[in-house]
Amino acid sequence: MLMELTRVRVYVAGVCSLIVTVGVARFSYSLLLPIMQDGAGLTKLGGGWLASTNFMGYMCGVLLAASLHNMNYKYNLHRLYLILSVVTSAAMVMTNDMVTWAVLRFLAGICASGGFIIASGLILKWLVNNHHRAELGIHFSGAGLSIIVTSLLVEAMLTISADWQQQWLALAAMAAVFAIPAWLWMPHPFVDGKSINTAKDNPPTKTFTLLMMLAYFCAGYGYGYAVSSTFIVDIVERVKSLQGRGGLAFLLVGVAATPAALIWDRIARNTGYLKALIVAYILQGIGIILPVINASLPVVIFSALLFGGTFIACVSMVLTMAGKFYPSNPGKFMGTMTLAYGAAQIMAPVSTGYLTQALGSYDVGLYVSTAVVMIGTLFLYGLLNIERKSMENKNINTKAKILIG
């Protein structure tokens, strides 16, 4: 009973960490983008650059996390990121200067690596050490929940005609509240001064790592939080018949994303992670392209549900694979994959911003995004064939069972 209570606290800490470091420090910008364009003079190109600086910060945060081998340092760094997430959000109201905003978004991006990489690694390590199933579905439900709570807060503030500055302050206050359980209950990686290590690493081959990086790069460009989540609110608001529904679309993304990682965990457990990822990529591509094909409200709702039901699940499945390959130090594989993902995230919003400004439409950017995701499925299919041949050659090992069922 005590262990179950402890596990609940660990999961609550992870969910709250994602709400603070990802929901507020990252996702809330998507909600506030059209509000800042109306009230703070932010251009669409400027919006793309701010998104890219956020991703640059995230990539630097991943590099830092991957370079740190002392788990105690990572634990303390996570706590620092909780504080910075609150501070950088509140500081957005102090200026209209693009350079200052870019610096703040860069720092907020670094903080996002705390929830996705450091907290994920700490939780995975704790789960393995305490003989629980090494899956991150519950933890990553916090990403979807973070979209819901930030969307509801922004919508509530709009009902009282709050401007963009009041919105940022309200989000910072909410982050401060959720930071408390994330601070108190995140599991420390050491017990009695020693790290517990109960599982043997089963690392993938260099070929697998390379192809997986390419596939995950495609994910980072095509969907992630780059094109679709940064601009999804603005995409909806630009359709005359859907004006005022942008917040609803983003809320639906969160509603679909909250249980998605848990559902896909179960699917991957039964079919293998590569098959599950291929299906998720295909559904994601459909979700991205639907608003271009048909901009009616039912189609946009379906698109938001597809997007929300797959994007964070893909992240969860890839990072869960890290825990299965490297139970002693999940951050090793997490960092490698996330660097590929982050590189694409830096490229996508700026290129989309330029295309939108030049053509006056998001359509071309979404076509490109869909194409890149489909290329990612080809890399995953190649990996699936490699693992199948490995099994045909009677090289059946734990890794093969994890990947292809």
Protein backbone atom coordinates (compact mmCIF):
# COMPACT_ATOMS: atom_id res chain seq x y z
CA MET A 1 0.00 0.00 0.00
CA LEU A 2 2.82 2.35 0.90
CA MET A 3 4.59 1.57 -2.39
CA GLU A 4 1.40 2.31 -4.35
CA LEU A 5 1.05 5.63 -2.58
CA THR A 6 4.68 6.43 -3.35
CA ARG A 7 4.17 5.53 -7.00
CA VAL A 8 1.12 7.82 -7.18
CA ARG A 9 3.20 10.67 -5.77
CA VAL A 10 5.96 10.03 -8.30
CA TYR A 11 3.48 10.14 -11.18
CA VAL A 12 1.85 13.29 -9.79
CA ALA A 13 5.28 14.90 -9.59
CA GLY A 14 5.94 14.02 -13.23
CA VAL A 15 2.58 15.31 -14.43
CA CYS A 16 3.00 18.57 -12.51
CA SER A 17 6.54 18.94 -13.84
CA LEU A 18 5.21 18.74 -17.41
CA ILE A 19 2.47 21.27 -16.66
CA VAL A 20 5.07 23.73 -15.38
CA THR A 21 8.02 23.20 -17.71
CA VAL A 22 6.10 22.25 -20.87
CA GLY A 23 2.51 23.45 -20.45
CA VAL A 24 3.35 26.95 -19.26
CA ALA A 25 6.94 27.40 -20.46
CA ARG A 26 6.16 25.98 -23.92
CA PHE A 27 2.56 25.22 -24.91
CA SER A 28 1.00 28.39 -23.51
CA TYR A 29 2.81 30.40 -26.19
CA SER A 30 0.66 28.66 -28.82
CA LEU A 31 -2.46 29.96 -27.07
CA LEU A 32 -1.09 33.45 -26.62
CA LEU A 33 0.35 33.81 -30.15
CA PRO A 34 -2.80 35.38 -31.72
CA ILE A 35 -3.41 37.43 -28.56
CA MET A 36 0.13 38.83 -28.71
CA GLN A 37 -0.24 39.49 -32.44
CA ASP A 38 -3.34 41.58 -31.74
CA GLY A 39 -2.20 43.32 -28.57
CA ALA A 40 1.60 43.43 -28.65
CA GLY A 41 2.32 43.94 -32.35
CA LEU A 42 3.94 40.53 -32.80
CA THR A 43 4.18 39.59 -36.50
CA LYS A 44 3.69 36.08 -37.87
CA LEU A 45 7.36 35.94 -38.82
CA GLY A 46 8.29 37.18 -35.35
CA GLY A 47 6.05 34.51 -33.89
CA GLY A 48 7.94 31.87 -35.85
CA TRP A 49 11.29 33.19 -34.66
CA LEU A 50 10.18 33.16 -31.03
CA ALA A 51 9.04 29.56 -31.44
CA SER A 52 12.42 28.66 -32.92
CA THR A 53 14.36 30.30 -30.10
CA ASN A 54 12.26 28.24 -27.71
CA PHE A 55 13.29 25.08 -29.55
CA MET A 56 16.93 26.22 -29.59
CA GLY A 57 16.74 26.54 -25.84
CA TYR A 58 15.15 23.11 -25.60
CA MET A 59 17.97 21.62 -27.65
CA CYS A 60 20.58 23.27 -25.44
CA GLY A 61 18.75 21.88 -22.42
CA VAL A 62 18.87 18.40 -23.95
CA LEU A 63 22.61 18.76 -24.65
CA LEU A 64 23.20 19.83 -21.08
CA ALA A 65 21.14 16.96 -19.67
CA ALA A 66 22.94 14.45 -21.92
CA SER A 67 26.37 15.75 -20.87
CA LEU A 68 25.63 15.39 -17.16
CA HIS A 69 26.31 11.91 -15.83
CA ASN A 70 25.80 12.80 -12.18
CA MET A 71 22.12 12.07 -11.49
CA ASN A 72 22.15 14.31 -8.44
CA TYR A 73 23.07 17.27 -10.66
CA LYS A 74 20.14 16.44 -12.95
CA TYR A 75 17.79 16.26 -10.00
CA ASN A 76 18.85 19.73 -8.82
CA LEU A 77 18.77 21.07 -12.38
CA HIS A 78 15.14 19.96 -12.64
CA ARG A 79 14.33 22.01 -9.56
CA LEU A 80 16.06 25.04 -11.07
CA TYR A 81 13.97 24.65 -14.23
CA LEU A 82 10.76 24.68 -12.19
CA ILE A 83 11.75 28.10 -10.82
CA LEU A 84 12.87 29.45 -14.19
CA SER A 85 9.62 28.36 -15.85
CA VAL A 86 7.71 30.62 -13.49
CA VAL A 87 10.17 33.52 -13.73
CA THR A 88 10.50 33.55 -17.54
CA SER A 89 6.72 33.47 -17.98
CA ALA A 90 6.16 36.37 -15.60
CA ALA A 91 9.01 38.34 -17.21
CA MET A 92 7.30 38.29 -20.64
CA VAL A 93 5.09 41.18 -19.50
CA MET A 94 8.04 43.50 -18.82
CA THR A 95 8.77 44.45 -22.44
CA ASN A 96 7.70 44.44 -26.09
CA ASP A 97 11.29 44.04 -27.27
CA MET A 98 11.76 41.05 -29.60
CA VAL A 99 15.32 40.40 -28.44
CA THR A 100 14.28 40.23 -24.79
CA TRP A 101 11.33 38.01 -25.67
CA ALA A 102 13.67 35.75 -27.65
CA VAL A 103 16.00 35.41 -24.65
CA LEU A 104 13.08 34.56 -22.37
CA ARG A 105 11.67 32.02 -24.83
CA PHE A 106 15.16 30.51 -25.14
CA LEU A 107 15.39 30.08 -21.36
CA ALA A 108 11.86 28.67 -21.26
CA GLY A 109 12.90 26.16 -23.91
CA ILE A 110 15.77 25.00 -21.72
CA CYS A 111 13.24 24.51 -18.92
CA ALA A 112 11.07 22.30 -21.14
CA SER A 113 13.88 19.74 -21.24
CA GLY A 114 13.41 19.41 -17.48
CA GLY A 115 9.97 17.86 -17.82
CA PHE A 116 10.57 15.86 -20.98
CA ILE A 117 14.12 14.59 -20.45
CA ILE A 118 15.25 14.94 -16.85
CA ALA A 119 11.94 14.14 -15.15
CA SER A 120 11.31 11.28 -17.59
CA GLY A 121 14.71 9.80 -16.81
CA LEU A 122 14.29 10.16 -13.05
CA ILE A 123 10.84 8.54 -13.16
CA LEU A 124 11.92 5.71 -15.46
CA LYS A 125 14.88 4.96 -13.23
CA TRP A 126 12.64 4.93 -10.15
CA LEU A 127 10.13 2.62 -11.85
CA VAL A 128 12.85 0.14 -12.85
CA ASN A 129 14.50 0.24 -9.42
CA ASN A 130 11.15 -0.42 -7.74
CA HIS A 131 10.17 -3.25 -10.11
CA HIS A 132 7.33 -1.45 -11.87
CA ARG A 133 6.63 -1.57 -15.61
CA ALA A 134 9.04 0.85 -17.31
CA GLU A 135 6.48 2.87 -19.30
CA LEU A 136 5.93 6.61 -19.42
CA GLY A 137 2.28 6.76 -20.47
CA ILE A 138 1.03 8.14 -17.16
CA HIS A 139 3.86 10.67 -16.99
CA PHE A 140 3.24 11.94 -20.51
CA SER A 141 -0.47 12.27 -19.89
CA GLY A 142 0.73 15.41 -18.14
CA ALA A 143 1.57 16.94 -21.52
CA GLY A 144 -2.04 16.64 -22.65
CA LEU A 145 -3.30 17.77 -19.26
CA SER A 146 -1.01 20.79 -19.47
CA ILE A 147 -2.72 21.82 -22.71
CA ILE A 148 -6.13 21.47 -21.06
CA VAL A 149 -5.34 23.51 -17.96
CA THR A 150 -3.52 26.27 -19.86
CA SER A 151 -6.33 26.43 -22.45
CA LEU A 152 -9.00 26.68 -19.76
CA LEU A 153 -7.05 29.37 -17.91
CA VAL A 154 -6.53 31.47 -21.06
CA GLU A 155 -10.20 31.13 -22.03
CA ALA A 156 -11.28 32.08 -18.50
CA MET A 157 -9.05 35.15 -18.62
CA LEU A 158 -10.52 36.13 -21.99
CA THR A 159 -13.97 36.22 -20.46
CA ILE A 160 -12.80 39.08 -18.25
CA SER A 161 -11.10 40.78 -21.22
CA ALA A 162 -7.58 40.11 -19.91
CA ASP A 163 -4.80 41.40 -22.16
CA TRP A 164 -1.68 39.43 -23.13
CA GLN A 165 0.28 40.69 -20.12
CA GLN A 166 -2.38 39.60 -17.64
CA GLN A 167 -2.50 36.24 -19.40
CA TRP A 168 1.22 35.65 -18.90
CA LEU A 169 1.00 36.62 -15.22
CA ALA A 170 -1.93 34.26 -14.65
CA LEU A 171 -0.01 31.41 -16.30
CA ALA A 172 3.06 32.15 -14.16
CA ALA A 173 0.92 32.02 -11.01
CA MET A 174 -0.56 28.68 -12.06
CA ALA A 175 2.94 27.33 -12.75
CA ALA A 176 4.04 28.33 -9.25
CA VAL A 177 1.21 26.26 -7.76
CA PHE A 178 1.95 23.11 -9.79
CA ALA A 179 5.67 23.46 -9.14
CA ILE A 180 5.14 22.58 -5.46
CA PRO A 181 4.29 18.86 -5.85
CA ALA A 182 6.80 18.59 -8.71
CA TRP A 183 9.47 19.93 -6.34
CA LEU A 184 8.48 17.80 -3.34
CA TRP A 185 7.70 14.41 -4.92
CA MET A 186 10.11 14.02 -7.84
CA PRO A 187 12.12 10.89 -6.88
CA HIS A 188 15.74 11.39 -5.95
CA PRO A 189 18.03 9.05 -7.94
CA PHE A 190 20.08 8.04 -4.92
CA VAL A 191 19.30 6.05 -1.81
CA ASP A 192 21.76 6.15 1.09
CA GLY A 193 24.25 7.87 -1.18
CA LYS A 194 24.29 5.07 -3.79
CA SER A 195 22.42 4.68 -7.05
CA ILE A 196 20.39 1.45 -7.19
CA ASN A 197 20.93 -0.51 -10.40
CA THR A 198 18.83 -3.64 -10.86
CA ALA A 199 18.52 -4.05 -14.65
CA LYS A 200 20.96 -4.86 -17.45
CA ASP A 201 21.30 -2.51 -20.43
CA ASN A 202 20.31 -3.85 -23.86
CA PRO A 203 21.56 -1.16 -26.25
CA PRO A 204 20.44 -0.95 -29.91
CA THR A 205 22.86 -1.19 -32.85
CA LYS A 206 24.41 1.88 -34.49
CA THR A 207 22.24 1.30 -37.57
CA PHE A 208 19.11 1.23 -35.46
CA THR A 209 20.12 4.42 -33.63
CA LEU A 210 20.84 6.26 -36.91
CA LEU A 211 17.57 5.28 -38.60
CA MET A 212 15.60 6.01 -35.45
CA MET A 213 17.20 9.46 -35.25
CA LEU A 214 16.17 10.16 -38.86
CA ALA A 215 12.63 8.99 -38.19
CA TYR A 216 12.42 11.09 -35.04
CA PHE A 217 13.81 14.10 -36.92
CA CYS A 218 10.87 13.76 -39.29
CA ALA A 219 8.54 13.66 -36.31
CA GLY A 220 10.09 16.81 -34.88
CA TYR A 221 9.65 18.69 -38.15
CA GLY A 222 6.30 17.35 -39.17
CA TYR A 223 4.30 17.62 -35.99
CA GLY A 224 5.96 17.88 -32.59
CA TYR A 225 5.26 21.31 -31.25
CA ALA A 226 6.84 23.05 -34.23
CA VAL A 227 4.40 23.58 -37.08
CA SER A 228 1.12 22.17 -35.86
CA SER A 229 1.02 23.09 -32.18
CA THR A 230 2.69 26.49 -32.44
CA PHE A 231 0.38 27.66 -35.20
CA ILE A 232 -2.72 25.51 -34.72
CA VAL A 233 -4.63 28.24 -32.88
CA ASP A 234 -3.74 30.82 -35.52
CA ILE A 235 -4.55 28.38 -38.36
CA VAL A 236 -8.09 28.02 -37.02
CA GLU A 237 -8.51 31.73 -36.30
CA ARG A 238 -7.58 32.62 -39.90
CA VAL A 239 -10.63 30.72 -41.24
CA LYS A 240 -13.52 33.20 -41.15
CA SER A 241 -16.13 30.60 -40.30
CA LEU A 242 -13.97 29.35 -37.39
CA GLN A 243 -12.89 32.63 -35.82
CA GLY A 244 -13.06 32.42 -32.05
CA ARG A 245 -12.64 28.61 -32.13
CA GLY A 246 -8.82 28.49 -31.99
CA GLY A 247 -8.76 27.97 -28.23
CA LEU A 248 -11.31 25.16 -28.59
CA ALA A 249 -9.13 23.39 -31.17
CA PHE A 250 -6.10 23.56 -28.88
CA LEU A 251 -8.18 22.36 -25.93
CA LEU A 252 -9.29 19.35 -27.98
CA VAL A 253 -5.64 18.57 -28.71
CA GLY A 254 -5.09 18.40 -24.95
CA VAL A 255 -8.21 16.29 -24.36
CA ALA A 256 -7.04 13.74 -26.93
CA ALA A 257 -3.41 13.83 -25.77
CA THR A 258 -4.14 13.18 -22.08
CA PRO A 259 -5.08 9.47 -22.39
CA ALA A 260 -3.19 8.93 -25.66
CA ALA A 261 0.19 7.93 -24.22
CA LEU A 262 -1.48 5.36 -21.95
CA ILE A 263 -3.47 3.90 -24.85
CA TRP A 264 -0.45 3.73 -27.15
CA ASP A 265 1.63 2.15 -24.37
CA ARG A 266 -0.82 -0.75 -24.37
CA ILE A 267 -0.85 -0.93 -28.18
CA ALA A 268 2.96 -0.94 -28.32
CA ARG A 269 3.11 -3.61 -25.61
CA ASN A 270 0.98 -5.91 -27.80
CA THR A 271 2.25 -5.08 -31.30
CA GLY A 272 5.79 -3.84 -30.71
CA TYR A 273 6.96 -0.23 -30.62
CA LEU A 274 7.91 0.08 -34.30
CA LYS A 275 4.51 -1.05 -35.60
CA ALA A 276 2.76 1.24 -33.15
CA LEU A 277 4.94 4.18 -34.20
CA ILE A 278 4.26 3.58 -37.91
CA VAL A 279 0.50 3.68 -37.34
CA ALA A 280 0.83 6.78 -35.14
CA TYR A 281 2.93 8.57 -37.78
CA ILE A 282 0.34 7.84 -40.50
CA LEU A 283 -2.53 9.08 -38.34
CA GLN A 284 -0.48 12.15 -37.44
CA GLY A 285 0.10 12.97 -41.10
CA ILE A 286 -3.64 12.72 -41.76
CA GLY A 287 -4.31 15.02 -38.82
CA ILE A 288 -1.89 17.65 -40.12
CA ILE A 289 -3.24 17.76 -43.68
CA LEU A 290 -6.99 17.65 -42.96
CA PRO A 291 -7.43 21.44 -42.35
CA VAL A 292 -5.96 22.08 -45.81
CA ILE A 293 -8.38 19.67 -47.48
CA ASN A 294 -11.46 20.85 -45.59
CA ALA A 295 -11.64 23.76 -43.15
CA SER A 296 -15.10 23.01 -41.76
CA LEU A 297 -15.51 22.81 -37.99
CA PRO A 298 -16.14 19.01 -37.81
CA VAL A 299 -13.00 18.31 -39.87
CA VAL A 300 -10.89 20.71 -37.80
CA ILE A 301 -12.15 19.02 -34.62
CA PHE A 302 -11.26 15.60 -36.04
CA SER A 303 -7.84 16.93 -37.06
CA ALA A 304 -7.20 18.28 -33.56
CA LEU A 305 -8.21 14.95 -32.02
CA LEU A 306 -5.91 13.02 -34.38
CA PHE A 307 -3.05 15.39 -33.68
CA GLY A 308 -3.55 15.26 -29.92
CA GLY A 309 -4.05 11.51 -29.95
CA THR A 310 -0.70 10.82 -31.60
CA PHE A 311 1.92 13.55 -31.18
CA ILE A 312 2.74 13.13 -27.50
CA ALA A 313 2.24 9.37 -27.75
CA CYS A 314 5.08 9.20 -30.29
CA VAL A 315 7.35 11.10 -27.91
CA SER A 316 6.30 8.83 -25.04
CA MET A 317 6.94 5.63 -27.01
CA VAL A 318 10.38 6.70 -28.20
CA LEU A 319 11.47 7.81 -24.73
CA THR A 320 10.00 4.66 -23.17
CA MET A 321 12.20 2.68 -25.57
CA ALA A 322 15.13 4.52 -24.01
CA GLY A 323 14.26 3.09 -20.63
CA LYS A 324 14.04 -0.42 -22.07
CA PHE A 325 17.39 -0.10 -23.87
CA TYR A 326 19.24 1.67 -21.04
CA PRO A 327 17.49 1.03 -17.70
CA SER A 328 20.65 2.07 -15.84
CA ASN A 329 20.72 5.49 -17.51
CA PRO A 330 17.67 6.20 -19.75
CA GLY A 331 18.83 9.77 -20.39
CA LYS A 332 21.57 8.49 -22.71
CA PHE A 333 19.25 7.33 -25.50
CA MET A 334 16.68 10.03 -24.67
CA GLY A 335 19.26 12.73 -25.28
CA THR A 336 20.39 11.24 -28.60
CA MET A 337 16.85 10.99 -29.95
CA THR A 338 15.74 14.36 -28.65
CA LEU A 339 18.67 16.14 -30.31
CA ALA A 340 17.37 14.93 -33.67
CA TYR A 341 13.84 15.95 -32.72
CA GLY A 342 15.01 19.35 -31.49
CA ALA A 343 17.00 20.11 -34.64
CA ALA A 344 13.84 19.70 -36.70
CA GLN A 345 11.85 21.80 -34.24
CA ILE A 346 14.25 24.69 -34.77
CA MET A 347 13.86 24.55 -38.54
CA ALA A 348 10.11 24.05 -38.82
CA PRO A 349 8.51 27.18 -37.32
CA VAL A 350 10.85 29.61 -39.08
CA SER A 351 10.34 27.97 -42.47
CA THR A 352 6.59 27.91 -41.85
CA GLY A 353 6.68 31.58 -40.83
CA TYR A 354 8.47 32.54 -44.05
CA LEU A 355 6.10 30.47 -46.21
CA THR A 356 3.04 31.91 -44.49
CA GLN A 357 4.27 35.49 -44.77
CA ALA A 358 5.17 35.03 -48.44
CA LEU A 359 2.07 33.13 -49.52
CA GLY A 360 -0.49 34.36 -46.99
CA SER A 361 -1.48 30.80 -46.10
CA TYR A 362 -0.37 27.93 -43.88
CA ASP A 363 -1.30 25.38 -46.58
CA VAL A 364 2.16 24.87 -48.11
CA GLY A 365 3.76 24.53 -44.69
CA LEU A 366 1.25 21.86 -43.73
CA TYR A 367 1.80 19.99 -47.01
CA VAL A 368 5.54 19.97 -46.31
CA SER A 369 4.95 18.82 -42.74
CA THR A 370 2.79 15.92 -43.88
CA ALA A 371 5.38 14.87 -46.47
CA VAL A 372 8.15 14.86 -43.87
CA VAL A 373 6.08 12.71 -41.49
CA MET A 374 5.45 10.22 -44.29
CA ILE A 375 9.20 10.05 -44.96
CA GLY A 376 9.59 9.25 -41.26
CA THR A 377 7.29 6.24 -41.67
CA LEU A 378 9.66 4.91 -44.37
CA PHE A 379 12.58 5.02 -41.92
CA LEU A 380 10.46 3.22 -39.33
CA TYR A 381 9.43 0.60 -41.89
CA GLY A 382 13.11 0.06 -42.71
CA LEU A 383 13.82 -0.50 -39.02
CA LEU A 384 10.94 -2.95 -38.82
CA ASN A 385 12.39 -5.00 -41.69
CA ILE A 386 15.83 -5.03 -40.10
CA GLU A 387 14.42 -6.32 -36.81
CA ARG A 388 12.33 -8.94 -38.64
CA LYS A 389 15.41 -10.26 -40.42
CA SER A 390 17.18 -10.36 -37.07
CA MET A 391 14.42 -12.61 -35.72
CA GLU A 392 14.46 -14.78 -38.86
CA ASN A 393 18.16 -15.35 -38.25
CA LYS A 394 17.15 -16.63 -34.82
CA ASN A 395 18.73 -13.64 -33.16
CA ILE A 396 15.69 -13.28 -30.92
CA ASN A 397 16.52 -11.05 -28.00
CA THR A 398 14.79 -8.73 -25.61
CA LYS A 399 15.25 -5.75 -27.93
CA ALA A 400 13.62 -7.52 -30.88
CA LYS A 401 10.62 -8.52 -28.78
CA ILE A 402 10.22 -4.94 -27.59
CA LEU A 403 10.34 -3.50 -31.11
CA ILE A 404 8.25 -5.89 -33.20
CA GLY A 405 6.19 -7.76 -30.63
